[in-house]
């Protein structure tokens, strides 16, 4: 793969991640009634999956064939309305990097109440942007903007790719 093929592929995989995010939002809308016995567990699980999937394209990736892949560009984020820009940073920086993929004790601010045995009580500031009726519109708008940016990047890169198939099969 040459540099342009790697770049094009990176944005294609990012678009797939964002499609998966939209699937999580749709699943929440359809599934919230089915999980009425444990709504918080459903909301927390689907929210974590959403955050991990949304943040994936914005994290460093392994090199391919000597070409650095890196993350997708975040130039488009600067053009977002303030609320969406803050939501993006919350999802990637606070959500994925501090609370889900890594355990940041300063962010979590744990209080552990020691009890006999192996199960302690605890209070943890494990706040991530939840998928719920209050956030679903903003999350969908953010993901749609990210998808559109990836499409625009691919349109910019496409004239530099002569082949009709991009494949990496070592």
Protein backbone atom coordinates (compact mmCIF):
# COMPACT_ATOMS: atom_id res chain seq x y z
CA UNK A 1 0.00 0.00 0.00
CA UNK A 2 1.25 3.46 -0.79
CA UNK A 3 0.74 6.55 1.38
CA UNK A 4 -2.51 7.56 -0.33
CA UNK A 5 -3.99 4.08 -0.05
CA UNK A 6 -3.13 3.98 3.66
CA UNK A 7 -4.74 7.39 4.20
CA UNK A 8 -7.85 6.44 2.24
CA UNK A 9 -8.14 3.17 4.17
CA UNK A 10 -7.73 4.97 7.50
CA UNK A 11 -10.73 7.17 6.69
CA UNK A 12 -12.73 4.20 5.44
CA UNK A 13 -12.17 2.38 8.72
CA UNK A 14 -13.07 5.55 10.62
CA UNK A 15 -16.35 5.77 8.69
CA UNK A 16 -17.07 2.17 9.67
CA UNK A 17 -16.45 3.06 13.33
CA UNK A 18 -18.86 5.97 13.05
CA UNK A 19 -21.48 3.73 11.41
CA UNK A 20 -21.08 1.40 14.37
CA UNK A 21 -21.66 4.38 16.68
CA UNK A 22 -24.92 5.09 14.88
CA UNK A 23 -25.83 1.43 15.37
CA UNK A 24 -25.31 1.86 19.13
CA UNK A 25 -27.58 4.90 19.13
CA UNK A 26 -30.24 2.99 17.19
CA UNK A 27 -29.87 0.01 19.51
CA UNK A 28 -30.39 2.27 22.50
CA UNK A 29 -33.58 3.69 20.99
CA UNK A 30 -34.93 0.20 20.26
CA UNK A 31 -33.58 -1.64 23.27
CA UNK A 32 -34.18 0.67 26.19
CA UNK A 33 -37.65 -0.76 26.75
CA UNK A 34 -36.37 -4.36 26.70
CA UNK A 35 -33.93 -3.65 29.51
CA UNK A 36 -36.39 -2.05 31.89
CA UNK A 37 -35.24 -4.28 34.77
CA UNK A 38 -31.64 -3.07 34.48
CA UNK A 39 -31.84 0.23 32.56
CA UNK A 40 -28.71 1.70 34.14
CA UNK A 41 -26.61 -1.37 33.28
CA UNK A 42 -27.85 -1.24 29.67
CA UNK A 43 -27.19 2.50 29.41
CA UNK A 44 -23.72 2.20 30.94
CA UNK A 45 -22.72 -0.77 28.75
CA UNK A 46 -23.86 0.74 25.50
CA UNK A 47 -22.36 4.11 26.43
CA UNK A 48 -18.95 2.53 27.07
CA UNK A 49 -19.10 0.67 23.76
CA UNK A 50 -20.05 3.92 22.01
CA UNK A 51 -17.17 5.87 23.58
CA UNK A 52 -14.58 3.21 22.70
CA UNK A 53 -15.83 2.99 19.11
CA UNK A 54 -16.12 6.76 18.62
CA UNK A 55 -12.62 7.40 19.99
CA UNK A 56 -10.94 4.59 18.00
CA UNK A 57 -10.16 6.69 14.88
CA UNK A 58 -8.66 9.45 17.04
CA UNK A 59 -6.02 7.23 18.64
CA UNK A 60 -2.62 6.36 17.20
CA UNK A 61 -2.55 3.28 14.97
CA UNK A 62 0.22 0.93 13.93
CA UNK A 63 2.29 1.65 10.83
CA UNK A 64 1.45 -0.20 7.60
CA UNK A 65 4.15 -1.09 5.09
CA UNK A 66 6.47 1.57 6.45
CA UNK A 67 3.79 4.27 6.30
CA UNK A 68 2.77 5.88 9.58
CA UNK A 69 -0.97 5.72 10.01
CA UNK A 70 -1.66 7.86 13.03
CA UNK A 71 -5.15 9.05 13.84
CA UNK A 72 -7.56 10.83 11.57
CA UNK A 73 -7.31 14.60 11.43
CA UNK A 74 -9.24 16.64 13.98
CA UNK A 75 -9.31 19.84 11.89
CA UNK A 76 -13.04 19.41 11.43
CA UNK A 77 -13.58 19.57 15.22
CA UNK A 78 -12.57 23.25 15.27
CA UNK A 79 -15.48 24.02 12.93
CA UNK A 80 -18.08 22.38 15.16
CA UNK A 81 -20.44 24.38 17.35
CA UNK A 82 -19.04 24.83 20.88
CA UNK A 83 -21.37 22.21 22.38
CA UNK A 84 -20.37 19.53 19.86
CA UNK A 85 -16.67 20.39 20.14
CA UNK A 86 -16.88 19.99 23.93
CA UNK A 87 -18.73 16.69 23.49
CA UNK A 88 -16.00 15.39 21.15
CA UNK A 89 -13.26 16.27 23.65
CA UNK A 90 -15.26 14.74 26.47
CA UNK A 91 -15.73 11.48 24.58
CA UNK A 92 -12.13 11.13 23.41
CA UNK A 93 -10.11 12.69 26.22
CA UNK A 94 -12.18 12.21 29.35
CA UNK A 95 -14.28 9.23 28.34
CA UNK A 96 -11.94 6.94 26.47
CA UNK A 97 -8.52 8.03 27.66
CA UNK A 98 -9.25 8.70 31.34
CA UNK A 99 -12.20 6.56 32.31
CA UNK A 100 -12.67 3.61 29.98
CA UNK A 101 -9.39 2.55 28.37
CA UNK A 102 -7.26 3.65 31.32
CA UNK A 103 -8.00 4.03 34.99
CA UNK A 104 -7.09 7.58 35.92
CA UNK A 105 -7.33 7.74 39.71
CA UNK A 106 -7.35 11.55 39.72
CA UNK A 107 -10.37 11.59 37.38
CA UNK A 108 -12.14 8.68 39.07
CA UNK A 109 -11.74 10.15 42.57
CA UNK A 110 -12.50 6.83 44.26
CA UNK A 111 -13.73 6.44 47.83
CA UNK A 112 -13.49 2.83 48.96
CA UNK A 113 -15.29 1.61 52.06
CA UNK A 114 -13.44 -1.47 53.26
CA UNK A 115 -15.54 -4.44 54.31
CA UNK A 116 -14.67 -7.96 55.41
CA UNK A 117 -14.28 -10.31 52.47
CA UNK A 118 -13.49 -9.40 48.89
CA UNK A 119 -16.39 -7.05 48.03
CA UNK A 120 -15.98 -3.47 49.19
CA UNK A 121 -18.42 -0.63 48.79
CA UNK A 122 -17.20 2.28 46.71
CA UNK A 123 -18.11 5.59 45.19
CA UNK A 124 -16.38 6.42 41.92
CA UNK A 125 -16.72 9.46 39.71
CA UNK A 126 -17.17 7.23 36.68
CA UNK A 127 -18.99 9.80 34.62
CA UNK A 128 -19.00 9.24 30.91
CA UNK A 129 -21.40 10.80 28.45
CA UNK A 130 -24.35 8.43 28.68
CA UNK A 131 -26.50 7.52 25.74
CA UNK A 132 -29.98 8.54 26.78
CA UNK A 133 -32.89 10.65 25.58
CA UNK A 134 -31.04 13.82 26.65
CA UNK A 135 -27.87 13.11 24.65
CA UNK A 136 -28.87 11.02 21.65
CA UNK A 137 -29.53 13.96 19.30
CA UNK A 138 -26.16 15.61 20.08
CA UNK A 139 -24.27 12.32 19.78
CA UNK A 140 -25.90 11.54 16.44
CA UNK A 141 -25.08 15.03 15.10
CA UNK A 142 -21.44 14.68 16.19
CA UNK A 143 -21.04 11.24 14.60
CA UNK A 144 -22.67 12.44 11.39
CA UNK A 145 -20.26 15.39 11.24
CA UNK A 146 -17.31 13.01 11.75
CA UNK A 147 -18.56 10.74 8.97
CA UNK A 148 -18.96 13.67 6.61
CA UNK A 149 -15.41 14.83 7.33
CA UNK A 150 -14.05 11.35 6.57
CA UNK A 151 -15.96 11.29 3.29
CA UNK A 152 -14.54 14.71 2.35
CA UNK A 153 -11.01 13.53 3.14
CA UNK A 154 -11.51 10.49 0.95
CA UNK A 155 -12.74 12.69 -1.90
CA UNK A 156 -9.54 14.73 -1.55
CA UNK A 157 -7.32 11.60 -1.54
CA UNK A 158 -9.13 9.58 -4.21
CA UNK A 159 -7.58 11.27 -7.32
CA UNK A 160 -4.16 10.06 -6.09
CA UNK A 161 -5.20 6.41 -6.14
CA UNK A 162 -4.97 4.72 -9.53
CA UNK A 163 -6.16 1.24 -8.58
CA UNK A 164 -9.80 0.26 -8.24
CA UNK A 165 -9.04 -1.98 -5.26
CA UNK A 166 -7.10 -1.15 -2.11
CA UNK A 167 -5.88 -4.29 -0.40
CA UNK A 168 -3.44 -5.10 2.32
CA UNK A 169 -2.87 -8.84 2.37
CA UNK A 170 0.65 -9.59 3.66
